[in-house]
PDB file of N, CA and C in Angstrom:
ATOM      1  N   TYR A   1    -139.870-161.458  39.052  1.00  0.00           N
ATOM      2  CA  TYR A   1    -138.666-160.907  38.499  1.00  0.00           C
ATOM      3  C   TYR A   1    -137.499-161.216  39.418  1.00  0.00           C
ATOM      4  N   GLN A   2    -136.281-161.016  38.905  1.00  0.00           N
ATOM      5  CA  GLN A   2    -135.086-161.321  39.680  1.00  0.00           C
ATOM      6  C   GLN A   2    -134.368-160.031  40.059  1.00  0.00           C
ATOM      7  N   ARG A   3    -133.706-160.085  41.220  1.00  0.00           N
ATOM      8  CA  ARG A   3    -132.969-158.921  41.696  1.00  0.00           C
ATOM      9  C   ARG A   3    -131.709-159.403  42.393  1.00  0.00           C
ATOM     10  N   ARG A   4    -130.567-158.778  42.100  1.00  0.00           N
ATOM     11  CA  ARG A   4    -129.322-159.155  42.758  1.00  0.00           C
ATOM     12  C   ARG A   4    -129.074-158.248  43.958  1.00  0.00           C
ATOM     13  N   VAL A   5    -128.848-158.870  45.114  1.00  0.00           N
ATOM     14  CA  VAL A   5    -128.502-158.133  46.315  1.00  0.00           C
ATOM     15  C   VAL A   5    -127.282-158.810  46.919  1.00  0.00           C
ATOM     16  N   HIS A   6    -126.164-158.100  46.968  1.00  0.00           N
ATOM     17  CA  HIS A   6    -124.915-158.604  47.535  1.00  0.00           C
ATOM     18  C   HIS A   6    -124.523-159.952  46.923  1.00  0.00           C
ATOM     19  N   GLY A   7    -124.664-160.060  45.602  1.00  0.00           N
ATOM     20  CA  GLY A   7    -124.254-161.264  44.895  1.00  0.00           C
ATOM     21  C   GLY A   7    -125.284-162.379  44.919  1.00  0.00           C
ATOM     22  N   GLU A   8    -126.351-162.256  45.717  1.00  0.00           N
ATOM     23  CA  GLU A   8    -127.376-163.289  45.765  1.00  0.00           C
ATOM     24  C   GLU A   8    -128.526-162.890  44.844  1.00  0.00           C
ATOM     25  N   ILE A   9    -129.167-163.887  44.278  1.00  0.00           N
ATOM     26  CA  ILE A   9    -130.304-163.624  43.398  1.00  0.00           C
ATOM     27  C   ILE A   9    -131.583-163.818  44.197  1.00  0.00           C
ATOM     28  N   HIS A  10    -132.389-162.775  44.288  1.00  0.00           N
ATOM     29  CA  HIS A  10    -133.679-162.840  44.962  1.00  0.00           C
ATOM     30  C   HIS A  10    -134.767-162.828  43.893  1.00  0.00           C
ATOM     31  N   ILE A  11    -135.672-163.779  43.991  1.00  0.00           N
ATOM     32  CA  ILE A  11    -136.762-163.868  43.030  1.00  0.00           C
ATOM     33  C   ILE A  11    -138.047-163.471  43.738  1.00  0.00           C
ATOM     34  N   LYS A  12    -138.674-162.441  43.212  1.00  0.00           N
ATOM     35  CA  LYS A  12    -139.949-162.010  43.765  1.00  0.00           C
ATOM     36  C   LYS A  12    -141.058-162.583  42.899  1.00  0.00           C
ATOM     37  N   ASN A  13    -141.956-163.248  43.535  1.00  0.00           N
ATOM     38  CA  ASN A  13    -143.020-163.923  42.810  1.00  0.00           C
ATOM     39  C   ASN A  13    -144.297-163.100  42.926  1.00  0.00           C
ATOM     40  N   LYS A  14    -144.733-162.525  41.815  1.00  0.00           N
ATOM     41  CA  LYS A  14    -145.958-161.741  41.822  1.00  0.00           C
ATOM     42  C   LYS A  14    -147.169-162.627  42.055  1.00  0.00           C
ATOM     43  N   PHE A  15    -147.077-163.861  41.603  1.00  0.00           N
ATOM     44  CA  PHE A  15    -148.193-164.793  41.787  1.00  0.00           C
ATOM     45  C   PHE A  15    -148.439-165.052  43.270  1.00  0.00           C
ATOM     46  N   ALA A  16    -147.370-165.159  44.063  1.00  0.00           N
ATOM     47  CA  ALA A  16    -147.521-165.391  45.507  1.00  0.00           C
ATOM     48  C   ALA A  16    -148.229-164.215  46.169  1.00  0.00           C
ATOM     49  N   ASP A  17    -147.927-162.989  45.731  1.00  0.00           N
ATOM     50  CA  ASP A  17    -148.602-161.814  46.271  1.00  0.00           C
ATOM     51  C   ASP A  17    -150.085-161.832  45.929  1.00  0.00           C
ATOM     52  N   MET A  18    -150.403-162.253  44.701  1.00  0.00           N
ATOM     53  CA  MET A  18    -151.803-162.315  44.283  1.00  0.00           C
ATOM     54  C   MET A  18    -152.556-163.371  45.085  1.00  0.00           C
ATOM     55  N   VAL A  19    -151.906-164.502  45.367  1.00  0.00           N
ATOM     56  CA  VAL A  19    -152.556-165.572  46.129  1.00  0.00           C
ATOM     57  C   VAL A  19    -152.835-165.103  47.550  1.00  0.00           C
ATOM     58  N   LYS A  20    -151.889-164.358  48.141  1.00  0.00           N
ATOM     59  CA  LYS A  20    -152.095-163.840  49.502  1.00  0.00           C
ATOM     60  C   LYS A  20    -153.292-162.897  49.544  1.00  0.00           C
ATOM     61  N   LYS A  21    -153.381-161.993  48.559  1.00  0.00           N
ATOM     62  CA  LYS A  21    -154.505-161.054  48.516  1.00  0.00           C
ATOM     63  C   LYS A  21    -155.818-161.791  48.325  1.00  0.00           C
ATOM     64  N   LYS A  22    -155.798-162.804  47.447  1.00  0.00           N
ATOM     65  CA  LYS A  22    -157.015-163.544  47.164  1.00  0.00           C
ATOM     66  C   LYS A  22    -157.469-164.326  48.394  1.00  0.00           C
ATOM     67  N   SER A  23    -156.525-164.938  49.118  1.00  0.00           N
ATOM     68  CA  SER A  23    -156.906-165.702  50.302  1.00  0.00           C
ATOM     69  C   SER A  23    -157.411-164.771  51.403  1.00  0.00           C
ATOM     70  N   ALA A  24    -156.834-163.581  51.512  1.00  0.00           N
ATOM     71  CA  ALA A  24    -157.319-162.614  52.494  1.00  0.00           C
ATOM     72  C   ALA A  24    -158.734-162.180  52.146  1.00  0.00           C
ATOM     73  N   GLN A  25    -159.008-161.988  50.839  1.00  0.00           N
ATOM     74  CA  GLN A  25    -160.341-161.595  50.418  1.00  0.00           C
ATOM     75  C   GLN A  25    -161.348-162.712  50.653  1.00  0.00           C
ATOM     76  N   GLU A  26    -160.940-163.957  50.407  1.00  0.00           N
ATOM     77  CA  GLU A  26    -161.829-165.090  50.675  1.00  0.00           C
ATOM     78  C   GLU A  26    -162.128-165.186  52.162  1.00  0.00           C
ATOM     79  N   ASN A  27    -161.125-164.869  52.988  1.00  0.00           N
ATOM     80  CA  ASN A  27    -161.308-164.864  54.438  1.00  0.00           C
ATOM     81  C   ASN A  27    -162.357-163.831  54.838  1.00  0.00           C
ATOM     82  N   ILE A  28    -162.287-162.639  54.256  1.00  0.00           N
ATOM     83  CA  ILE A  28    -163.277-161.588  54.529  1.00  0.00           C
ATOM     84  C   ILE A  28    -164.656-162.043  54.075  1.00  0.00           C
ATOM     85  N   ASN A  29    -164.722-162.679  52.893  1.00  0.00           N
ATOM     86  CA  ASN A  29    -166.005-163.152  52.378  1.00  0.00           C
ATOM     87  C   ASN A  29    -166.623-164.197  53.309  1.00  0.00           C
ATOM     88  N   GLN A  30    -165.808-165.094  53.852  1.00  0.00           N
ATOM     89  CA  GLN A  30    -166.318-166.109  54.778  1.00  0.00           C
ATOM     90  C   GLN A  30    -166.831-165.462  56.056  1.00  0.00           C
ATOM     91  N   LYS A  31    -166.086-164.503  56.576  1.00  0.00           N
ATOM     92  CA  LYS A  31    -166.513-163.821  57.796  1.00  0.00           C
ATOM     93  C   LYS A  31    -167.790-163.019  57.548  1.00  0.00           C
ATOM     94  N   LEU A  32    -167.887-162.451  56.364  1.00  0.00           N
ATOM     95  CA  LEU A  32    -169.075-161.688  56.004  1.00  0.00           C
ATOM     96  C   LEU A  32    -170.294-162.600  55.891  1.00  0.00           C
ATOM     97  N   ALA A  33    -170.090-163.804  55.387  1.00  0.00           N
ATOM     98  CA  ALA A  33    -171.194-164.766  55.296  1.00  0.00           C
ATOM     99  C   ALA A  33    -171.684-165.160  56.685  1.00  0.00           C
ATOM    100  N   ILE A  34    -170.768-165.299  57.630  1.00  0.00           N
ATOM    101  CA  ILE A  34    -171.149-165.630  59.016  1.00  0.00           C
ATOM    102  C   ILE A  34    -171.929-164.472  59.630  1.00  0.00           C
ATOM    103  N   VAL A  35    -171.483-163.246  59.357  1.00  0.00           N
ATOM    104  CA  VAL A  35    -172.187-162.064  59.873  1.00  0.00           C
ATOM    105  C   VAL A  35    -173.605-162.006  59.311  1.00  0.00           C
ATOM    106  N   MET A  36    -173.749-162.309  58.028  1.00  0.00           N
ATOM    107  CA  MET A  36    -175.073-162.255  57.400  1.00  0.00           C
ATOM    108  C   MET A  36    -176.016-163.291  58.017  1.00  0.00           C
ATOM    109  N   ARG A  37    -175.467-164.450  58.420  1.00  0.00           N
ATOM    110  CA  ARG A  37    -176.296-165.490  59.017  1.00  0.00           C
ATOM    111  C   ARG A  37    -176.633-165.208  60.470  1.00  0.00           C
ATOM    112  N   SER A  38    -175.638-164.771  61.249  1.00  0.00           N
ATOM    113  CA  SER A  38    -175.830-164.709  62.701  1.00  0.00           C
ATOM    114  C   SER A  38    -175.860-163.301  63.280  1.00  0.00           C
ATOM    115  N   GLY A  39    -175.490-162.292  62.498  1.00  0.00           N
ATOM    116  CA  GLY A  39    -175.434-160.938  63.032  1.00  0.00           C
ATOM    117  C   GLY A  39    -176.483-160.032  62.413  1.00  0.00           C
ATOM    118  N   LYS A  40    -176.265-158.730  62.585  1.00  0.00           N
ATOM    119  CA  LYS A  40    -177.173-157.736  62.005  1.00  0.00           C
ATOM    120  C   LYS A  40    -176.367-156.777  61.155  1.00  0.00           C
ATOM    121  N   VAL A  41    -176.862-156.558  59.936  1.00  0.00           N
ATOM    122  CA  VAL A  41    -176.201-155.629  59.023  1.00  0.00           C
ATOM    123  C   VAL A  41    -177.228-154.691  58.411  1.00  0.00           C
ATOM    124  N   VAL A  42    -176.726-153.595  57.878  1.00  0.00           N
ATOM    125  CA  VAL A  42    -177.561-152.634  57.152  1.00  0.00           C
ATOM    126  C   VAL A  42    -176.878-152.399  55.816  1.00  0.00           C
ATOM    127  N   LEU A  43    -177.654-152.499  54.728  1.00  0.00           N
ATOM    128  CA  LEU A  43    -177.118-152.333  53.390  1.00  0.00           C
ATOM    129  C   LEU A  43    -177.581-151.002  52.802  1.00  0.00           C
ATOM    130  N   GLY A  44    -176.671-150.325  52.131  1.00  0.00           N
ATOM    131  CA  GLY A  44    -177.030-149.089  51.446  1.00  0.00           C
ATOM    132  C   GLY A  44    -176.513-147.841  52.131  1.00  0.00           C
ATOM    133  N   PHE A  45    -176.439-146.766  51.350  1.00  0.00           N
ATOM    134  CA  PHE A  45    -175.860-145.511  51.835  1.00  0.00           C
ATOM    135  C   PHE A  45    -176.726-144.834  52.886  1.00  0.00           C
ATOM    136  N   LYS A  46    -178.037-144.690  52.599  1.00  0.00           N
ATOM    137  CA  LYS A  46    -178.916-143.974  53.528  1.00  0.00           C
ATOM    138  C   LYS A  46    -178.992-144.675  54.875  1.00  0.00           C
ATOM    139  N   SER A  47    -179.218-145.980  54.847  1.00  0.00           N
ATOM    140  CA  SER A  47    -179.355-146.738  56.092  1.00  0.00           C
ATOM    141  C   SER A  47    -178.049-146.774  56.866  1.00  0.00           C
ATOM    142  N   THR A  48    -176.935-146.888  56.145  1.00  0.00           N
ATOM    143  CA  THR A  48    -175.630-146.889  56.803  1.00  0.00           C
ATOM    144  C   THR A  48    -175.364-145.543  57.464  1.00  0.00           C
ATOM    145  N   THR A  49    -175.693-144.455  56.769  1.00  0.00           N
ATOM    146  CA  THR A  49    -175.511-143.119  57.339  1.00  0.00           C
ATOM    147  C   THR A  49    -176.345-142.955  58.608  1.00  0.00           C
ATOM    148  N   LYS A  50    -177.596-143.438  58.574  1.00  0.00           N
ATOM    149  CA  LYS A  50    -178.453-143.358  59.759  1.00  0.00           C
ATOM    150  C   LYS A  50    -177.883-144.171  60.913  1.00  0.00           C
ATOM    151  N   SER A  51    -177.371-145.362  60.614  1.00  0.00           N
ATOM    152  CA  SER A  51    -176.823-146.202  61.690  1.00  0.00           C
ATOM    153  C   SER A  51    -175.555-145.585  62.284  1.00  0.00           C
ATOM    154  N   ILE A  52    -174.764-144.898  61.454  1.00  0.00           N
ATOM    155  CA  ILE A  52    -173.566-144.220  61.967  1.00  0.00           C
ATOM    156  C   ILE A  52    -173.975-143.047  62.853  1.00  0.00           C
ATOM    157  N   ARG A  53    -174.952-142.273  62.401  1.00  0.00           N
ATOM    158  CA  ARG A  53    -175.413-141.118  63.187  1.00  0.00           C
ATOM    159  C   ARG A  53    -176.000-141.549  64.524  1.00  0.00           C
ATOM    160  N   ASN A  54    -176.713-142.673  64.523  1.00  0.00           N
ATOM    161  CA  ASN A  54    -177.319-143.165  65.763  1.00  0.00           C
ATOM    162  C   ASN A  54    -176.323-143.880  66.661  1.00  0.00           C
ATOM    163  N   GLY A  55    -175.122-144.121  66.165  1.00  0.00           N
ATOM    164  CA  GLY A  55    -174.092-144.780  66.966  1.00  0.00           C
ATOM    165  C   GLY A  55    -174.256-146.285  67.057  1.00  0.00           C
ATOM    166  N   LYS A  56    -175.022-146.880  66.143  1.00  0.00           N
ATOM    167  CA  LYS A  56    -175.258-148.318  66.189  1.00  0.00           C
ATOM    168  C   LYS A  56    -174.251-149.113  65.364  1.00  0.00           C
ATOM    169  N   ALA A  57    -173.622-148.486  64.399  1.00  0.00           N
ATOM    170  CA  ALA A  57    -172.691-149.181  63.507  1.00  0.00           C
ATOM    171  C   ALA A  57    -171.380-149.479  64.225  1.00  0.00           C
ATOM    172  N   LYS A  58    -170.880-150.698  64.039  1.00  0.00           N
ATOM    173  CA  LYS A  58    -169.593-151.103  64.610  1.00  0.00           C
ATOM    174  C   LYS A  58    -168.484-151.029  63.563  1.00  0.00           C
ATOM    175  N   MET A  59    -168.833-151.324  62.301  1.00  0.00           N
ATOM    176  CA  MET A  59    -167.872-151.298  61.204  1.00  0.00           C
ATOM    177  C   MET A  59    -168.615-151.011  59.910  1.00  0.00           C
ATOM    178  N   VAL A  60    -167.926-150.362  58.982  1.00  0.00           N
ATOM    179  CA  VAL A  60    -168.514-150.035  57.688  1.00  0.00           C
ATOM    180  C   VAL A  60    -167.623-150.614  56.597  1.00  0.00           C
ATOM    181  N   LEU A  61    -168.236-151.294  55.621  1.00  0.00           N
ATOM    182  CA  LEU A  61    -167.517-151.815  54.463  1.00  0.00           C
ATOM    183  C   LEU A  61    -167.900-151.002  53.240  1.00  0.00           C
ATOM    184  N   VAL A  62    -166.896-150.606  52.454  1.00  0.00           N
ATOM    185  CA  VAL A  62    -167.111-149.782  51.270  1.00  0.00           C
ATOM    186  C   VAL A  62    -166.461-150.487  50.085  1.00  0.00           C
ATOM    187  N   SER A  63    -167.202-150.636  48.993  1.00  0.00           N
ATOM    188  CA  SER A  63    -166.664-151.320  47.816  1.00  0.00           C
ATOM    189  C   SER A  63    -165.685-150.415  47.068  1.00  0.00           C
ATOM    190  N   ASN A  64    -164.956-151.027  46.128  1.00  0.00           N
ATOM    191  CA  ASN A  64    -163.962-150.290  45.333  1.00  0.00           C
ATOM    192  C   ASN A  64    -164.575-149.199  44.483  1.00  0.00           C
ATOM    193  N   ASN A  65    -165.691-149.505  43.829  1.00  0.00           N
ATOM    194  CA  ASN A  65    -166.235-148.563  42.859  1.00  0.00           C
ATOM    195  C   ASN A  65    -167.355-147.698  43.436  1.00  0.00           C
ATOM    196  N   CYS A  66    -167.343-147.521  44.744  1.00  0.00           N
ATOM    197  CA  CYS A  66    -168.288-146.597  45.374  1.00  0.00           C
ATOM    198  C   CYS A  66    -167.923-145.173  44.943  1.00  0.00           C
ATOM    199  N   PRO A  67    -168.912-144.334  44.628  1.00  0.00           N
ATOM    200  CA  PRO A  67    -168.592-142.960  44.227  1.00  0.00           C
ATOM    201  C   PRO A  67    -167.770-142.226  45.293  1.00  0.00           C
ATOM    202  N   SER A  68    -166.819-141.442  44.843  1.00  0.00           N
ATOM    203  CA  SER A  68    -165.871-140.820  45.765  1.00  0.00           C
ATOM    204  C   SER A  68    -166.545-139.855  46.738  1.00  0.00           C
ATOM    205  N   LEU A  69    -167.597-139.172  46.310  1.00  0.00           N
ATOM    206  CA  LEU A  69    -168.290-138.246  47.202  1.00  0.00           C
ATOM    207  C   LEU A  69    -168.947-139.010  48.357  1.00  0.00           C
ATOM    208  N   ARG A  70    -169.610-140.114  48.034  1.00  0.00           N
ATOM    209  CA  ARG A  70    -170.235-140.924  49.082  1.00  0.00           C
ATOM    210  C   ARG A  70    -169.190-141.517  50.006  1.00  0.00           C
ATOM    211  N   LYS A  71    -168.090-141.986  49.419  1.00  0.00           N
ATOM    212  CA  LYS A  71    -167.022-142.579  50.230  1.00  0.00           C
ATOM    213  C   LYS A  71    -166.452-141.551  51.199  1.00  0.00           C
ATOM    214  N   SER A  72    -166.254-140.325  50.730  1.00  0.00           N
ATOM    215  CA  SER A  72    -165.706-139.286  51.601  1.00  0.00           C
ATOM    216  C   SER A  72    -166.704-138.901  52.693  1.00  0.00           C
ATOM    217  N   GLN A  73    -168.004-138.900  52.372  1.00  0.00           N
ATOM    218  CA  GLN A  73    -169.014-138.615  53.397  1.00  0.00           C
ATOM    219  C   GLN A  73    -169.009-139.693  54.473  1.00  0.00           C
ATOM    220  N   ILE A  74    -168.965-140.950  54.050  1.00  0.00           N
ATOM    221  CA  ILE A  74    -168.944-142.070  54.998  1.00  0.00           C
ATOM    222  C   ILE A  74    -167.671-142.020  55.840  1.00  0.00           C
ATOM    223  N   ASP A  75    -166.523-141.745  55.197  1.00  0.00           N
ATOM    224  CA  ASP A  75    -165.263-141.641  55.940  1.00  0.00           C
ATOM    225  C   ASP A  75    -165.347-140.543  57.000  1.00  0.00           C
ATOM    226  N   TYR A  76    -165.955-139.416  56.646  1.00  0.00           N
ATOM    227  CA  TYR A  76    -166.078-138.302  57.581  1.00  0.00           C
ATOM    228  C   TYR A  76    -166.969-138.679  58.769  1.00  0.00           C
ATOM    229  N   TYR A  77    -168.140-139.264  58.482  1.00  0.00           N
ATOM    230  CA  TYR A  77    -169.041-139.683  59.564  1.00  0.00           C
ATOM    231  C   TYR A  77    -168.381-140.724  60.465  1.00  0.00           C
ATOM    232  N   CYS A  78    -167.653-141.658  59.860  1.00  0.00           N
ATOM    233  CA  CYS A  78    -166.993-142.704  60.651  1.00  0.00           C
ATOM    234  C   CYS A  78    -165.857-142.125  61.490  1.00  0.00           C
ATOM    235  N   MET A  79    -165.178-141.127  60.959  1.00  0.00           N
ATOM    236  CA  MET A  79    -164.120-140.481  61.726  1.00  0.00           C
ATOM    237  C   MET A  79    -164.715-139.773  62.946  1.00  0.00           C
ATOM    238  N   LEU A  80    -165.867-139.131  62.767  1.00  0.00           N
ATOM    239  CA  LEU A  80    -166.516-138.459  63.892  1.00  0.00           C
ATOM    240  C   LEU A  80    -167.009-139.460  64.936  1.00  0.00           C
ATOM    241  N   GLY A  81    -167.538-140.594  64.462  1.00  0.00           N
ATOM    242  CA  GLY A  81    -168.081-141.597  65.365  1.00  0.00           C
ATOM    243  C   GLY A  81    -167.071-142.629  65.820  1.00  0.00           C
ATOM    244  N   LYS A  82    -165.812-142.493  65.375  1.00  0.00           N
ATOM    245  CA  LYS A  82    -164.742-143.444  65.702  1.00  0.00           C
ATOM    246  C   LYS A  82    -165.143-144.870  65.327  1.00  0.00           C
ATOM    247  N   ILE A  83    -165.622-145.019  64.090  1.00  0.00           N
ATOM    248  CA  ILE A  83    -166.046-146.303  63.562  1.00  0.00           C
ATOM    249  C   ILE A  83    -165.046-146.736  62.503  1.00  0.00           C
ATOM    250  N   LYS A  84    -164.716-148.010  62.501  1.00  0.00           N
ATOM    251  CA  LYS A  84    -163.729-148.549  61.577  1.00  0.00           C
ATOM    252  C   LYS A  84    -164.330-148.696  60.180  1.00  0.00           C
ATOM    253  N   VAL A  85    -163.589-148.246  59.171  1.00  0.00           N
ATOM    254  CA  VAL A  85    -164.002-148.382  57.771  1.00  0.00           C
ATOM    255  C   VAL A  85    -163.091-149.414  57.122  1.00  0.00           C
ATOM    256  N   LEU A  86    -163.692-150.454  56.557  1.00  0.00           N
ATOM    257  CA  LEU A  86    -162.929-151.506  55.899  1.00  0.00           C
ATOM    258  C   LEU A  86    -163.172-151.416  54.399  1.00  0.00           C
ATOM    259  N   PRO A  87    -162.138-151.078  53.617  1.00  0.00           N
ATOM    260  CA  PRO A  87    -162.339-151.043  52.163  1.00  0.00           C
ATOM    261  C   PRO A  87    -162.436-152.468  51.633  1.00  0.00           C
ATOM    262  N   PHE A  88    -163.529-152.769  50.956  1.00  0.00           N
ATOM    263  CA  PHE A  88    -163.757-154.101  50.399  1.00  0.00           C
ATOM    264  C   PHE A  88    -163.032-154.200  49.064  1.00  0.00           C
ATOM    265  N   VAL A  89    -162.201-155.226  48.904  1.00  0.00           N
ATOM    266  CA  VAL A  89    -161.435-155.398  47.676  1.00  0.00           C
ATOM    267  C   VAL A  89    -162.325-156.091  46.653  1.00  0.00           C
ATOM    268  N   GLY A  90    -163.108-155.297  45.960  1.00  0.00           N
ATOM    269  CA  GLY A  90    -164.026-155.819  44.952  1.00  0.00           C
ATOM    270  C   GLY A  90    -165.062-154.763  44.632  1.00  0.00           C
ATOM    271  N   THR A  91    -165.802-155.004  43.582  1.00  0.00           N
ATOM    272  CA  THR A  91    -166.812-154.046  43.151  1.00  0.00           C
ATOM    273  C   THR A  91    -168.070-154.195  43.992  1.00  0.00           C
ATOM    274  N   ASN A  92    -169.054-153.346  43.712  1.00  0.00           N
ATOM    275  CA  ASN A  92    -170.314-153.436  44.437  1.00  0.00           C
ATOM    276  C   ASN A  92    -171.055-154.734  44.088  1.00  0.00           C
ATOM    277  N   ASN A  93    -170.829-155.275  42.902  1.00  0.00           N
ATOM    278  CA  ASN A  93    -171.399-156.583  42.565  1.00  0.00           C
ATOM    279  C   ASN A  93    -170.806-157.672  43.452  1.00  0.00           C
ATOM    280  N   ASP A  94    -169.486-157.605  43.667  1.00  0.00           N
ATOM    281  CA  ASP A  94    -168.810-158.598  44.506  1.00  0.00           C
ATOM    282  C   ASP A  94    -169.276-158.504  45.959  1.00  0.00           C
ATOM    283  N   LEU A  95    -169.459-157.280  46.447  1.00  0.00           N
ATOM    284  CA  LEU A  95    -169.913-157.104  47.830  1.00  0.00           C
ATOM    285  C   LEU A  95    -171.336-157.622  48.000  1.00  0.00           C
ATOM    286  N   GLY A  96    -172.189-157.366  47.012  1.00  0.00           N
ATOM    287  CA  GLY A  96    -173.547-157.898  47.065  1.00  0.00           C
ATOM    288  C   GLY A  96    -173.564-159.413  47.052  1.00  0.00           C
ATOM    289  N   THR A  97    -172.719-160.010  46.238  1.00  0.00           N
ATOM    290  CA  THR A  97    -172.620-161.468  46.174  1.00  0.00           C
ATOM    291  C   THR A  97    -172.084-162.032  47.483  1.00  0.00           C
ATOM    292  N   ALA A  98    -171.094-161.360  48.079  1.00  0.00           N
ATOM    293  CA  ALA A  98    -170.536-161.813  49.354  1.00  0.00           C
ATOM    294  C   ALA A  98    -171.578-161.746  50.466  1.00  0.00           C
ATOM    295  N   CYS A  99    -172.522-160.820  50.337  1.00  0.00           N
ATOM    296  CA  CYS A  99    -173.601-160.702  51.324  1.00  0.00           C
ATOM    297  C   CYS A  99    -174.720-161.700  51.064  1.00  0.00           C
ATOM    298  N   GLY A 100    -174.649-162.401  49.950  1.00  0.00           N
ATOM    299  CA  GLY A 100    -175.690-163.356  49.608  1.00  0.00           C
ATOM    300  C   GLY A 100    -176.902-162.710  48.974  1.00  0.00           C
ATOM    301  N   LYS A 101    -176.743-161.519  48.451  1.00  0.00           N
ATOM    302  CA  LYS A 101    -177.837-160.804  47.801  1.00  0.00           C
ATOM    303  C   LYS A 101    -177.666-160.880  46.289  1.00  0.00           C
ATOM    304  N   LEU A 102    -178.744-160.695  45.570  1.00  0.00           N
ATOM    305  CA  LEU A 102    -178.697-160.724  44.114  1.00  0.00           C
ATOM    306  C   LEU A 102    -178.667-159.321  43.523  1.00  0.00           C
ATOM    307  N   HIS A 103    -178.343-158.337  44.346  1.00  0.00           N
ATOM    308  CA  HIS A 103    -178.243-156.965  43.855  1.00  0.00           C
ATOM    309  C   HIS A 103    -176.927-156.364  44.316  1.00  0.00           C
ATOM    310  N   ARG A 104    -176.629-155.172  43.814  1.00  0.00           N
ATOM    311  CA  ARG A 104    -175.358-154.515  44.127  1.00  0.00           C
ATOM    312  C   ARG A 104    -175.431-153.822  45.480  1.00  0.00           C
ATOM    313  N   VAL A 105    -174.318-153.868  46.213  1.00  0.00           N
ATOM    314  CA  VAL A 105    -174.214-153.192  47.506  1.00  0.00           C
ATOM    315  C   VAL A 105    -172.883-152.456  47.514  1.00  0.00           C
ATOM    316  N   SER A 106    -172.925-151.124  47.572  1.00  0.00           N
ATOM    317  CA  SER A 106    -171.664-150.382  47.566  1.00  0.00           C
ATOM    318  C   SER A 106    -171.204-150.048  48.982  1.00  0.00           C
ATOM    319  N   ILE A 107    -172.146-149.876  49.916  1.00  0.00           N
ATOM    320  CA  ILE A 107    -171.799-149.545  51.296  1.00  0.00           C
ATOM    321  C   ILE A 107    -172.684-150.373  52.223  1.00  0.00           C
ATOM    322  N   MET A 108    -172.078-150.920  53.262  1.00  0.00           N
ATOM    323  CA  MET A 108    -172.857-151.641  54.270  1.00  0.00           C
ATOM    324  C   MET A 108    -172.238-151.417  55.635  1.00  0.00           C
ATOM    325  N   SER A 109    -173.072-151.486  56.660  1.00  0.00           N
ATOM    326  CA  SER A 109    -172.541-151.356  58.017  1.00  0.00           C
ATOM    327  C   SER A 109    -172.925-152.591  58.818  1.00  0.00           C
ATOM    328  N   ILE A 110    -172.049-152.954  59.730  1.00  0.00           N
ATOM    329  CA  ILE A 110    -172.278-154.096  60.603  1.00  0.00           C
ATOM    330  C   ILE A 110    -172.718-153.552  61.955  1.00  0.00           C
ATOM    331  N   LEU A 111    -173.926-153.917  62.366  1.00  0.00           N
ATOM    332  CA  LEU A 111    -174.455-153.482  63.656  1.00  0.00           C
ATOM    333  C   LEU A 111    -174.095-154.468  64.754  1.00  0.00           C
ATOM    334  N   ASP A 112    -174.147-155.760  64.416  1.00  0.00           N
ATOM    335  CA  ASP A 112    -173.806-156.817  65.362  1.00  0.00           C
ATOM    336  C   ASP A 112    -173.088-157.901  64.586  1.00  0.00           C
ATOM    337  N   ALA A 113    -171.886-158.275  65.020  1.00  0.00           N
ATOM    338  CA  ALA A 113    -171.086-159.234  64.272  1.00  0.00           C
ATOM    339  C   ALA A 113    -171.576-160.663  64.442  1.00  0.00           C
ATOM    340  N   GLY A 114    -172.372-160.946  65.449  1.00  0.00           N
ATOM    341  CA  GLY A 114    -172.837-162.308  65.658  1.00  0.00           C
ATOM    342  C   GLY A 114    -171.691-163.223  66.057  1.00  0.00           C
ATOM    343  N   ASP A 115    -171.569-164.374  65.395  1.00  0.00           N
ATOM    344  CA  ASP A 115    -170.524-165.356  65.708  1.00  0.00           C
ATOM    345  C   ASP A 115    -169.202-165.061  65.009  1.00  0.00           C
ATOM    346  N   SER A 116    -169.167-164.060  64.147  1.00  0.00           N
ATOM    347  CA  SER A 116    -167.973-163.760  63.363  1.00  0.00           C
ATOM    348  C   SER A 116    -167.017-162.847  64.141  1.00  0.00           C
ATOM    349  N   ASP A 117    -165.746-162.916  63.754  1.00  0.00           N
ATOM    350  CA  ASP A 117    -164.749-162.023  64.353  1.00  0.00           C
ATOM    351  C   ASP A 117    -164.273-160.999  63.323  1.00  0.00           C
ATOM    352  N   ILE A 118    -165.177-160.548  62.482  1.00  0.00           N
ATOM    353  CA  ILE A 118    -164.829-159.608  61.420  1.00  0.00           C
ATOM    354  C   ILE A 118    -164.420-158.239  61.976  1.00  0.00           C
ATOM    355  N   LEU A 119    -164.866-157.910  63.172  1.00  0.00           N
ATOM    356  CA  LEU A 119    -164.528-156.608  63.752  1.00  0.00           C
ATOM    357  C   LEU A 119    -163.045-156.512  64.122  1.00  0.00           C
ATOM    358  N   ASN A 120    -162.360-157.658  64.210  1.00  0.00           N
ATOM    359  CA  ASN A 120    -160.932-157.670  64.548  1.00  0.00           C
ATOM    360  C   ASN A 120    -160.032-157.643  63.327  1.00  0.00           C
ATOM    361  N   VAL A 121    -160.618-157.605  62.116  1.00  0.00           N
ATOM    362  CA  VAL A 121    -159.836-157.616  60.873  1.00  0.00           C
ATOM    363  C   VAL A 121    -159.133-156.287  60.708  1.00  0.00           C
ATOM    364  N   GLU A 122    -157.877-156.354  60.265  1.00  0.00           N
ATOM    365  CA  GLU A 122    -157.089-155.130  60.022  1.00  0.00           C
ATOM    366  C   GLU A 122    -157.205-154.731  58.588  1.00  0.00           C
TER     367      GLU A 122
END
């Protein structure tokens, strides 16, 4: 859309914003693939909760369509353990596919990043 500011026409491109989000998501997917190959991860709510309680989790990824009660429980545990929670921009099907699995994954924790620098992602 167009917007006039001090006589100048500024054009905001929604497509450019979508491309930035998509490239950022592809970047996360690539880093996640490296973690799956060279690092250690735990998939699922129960295992992730156990890894957070034991202090082994370094980062937790939560999909978009994760149930709100589970998401709030994970957020609470991560807040207590000072663990970073990264909201995954995609459904649990997308997160499972990004992990290279043929099933759905709504919550996963990274125990060891391996060769990836996913722990530095904002």
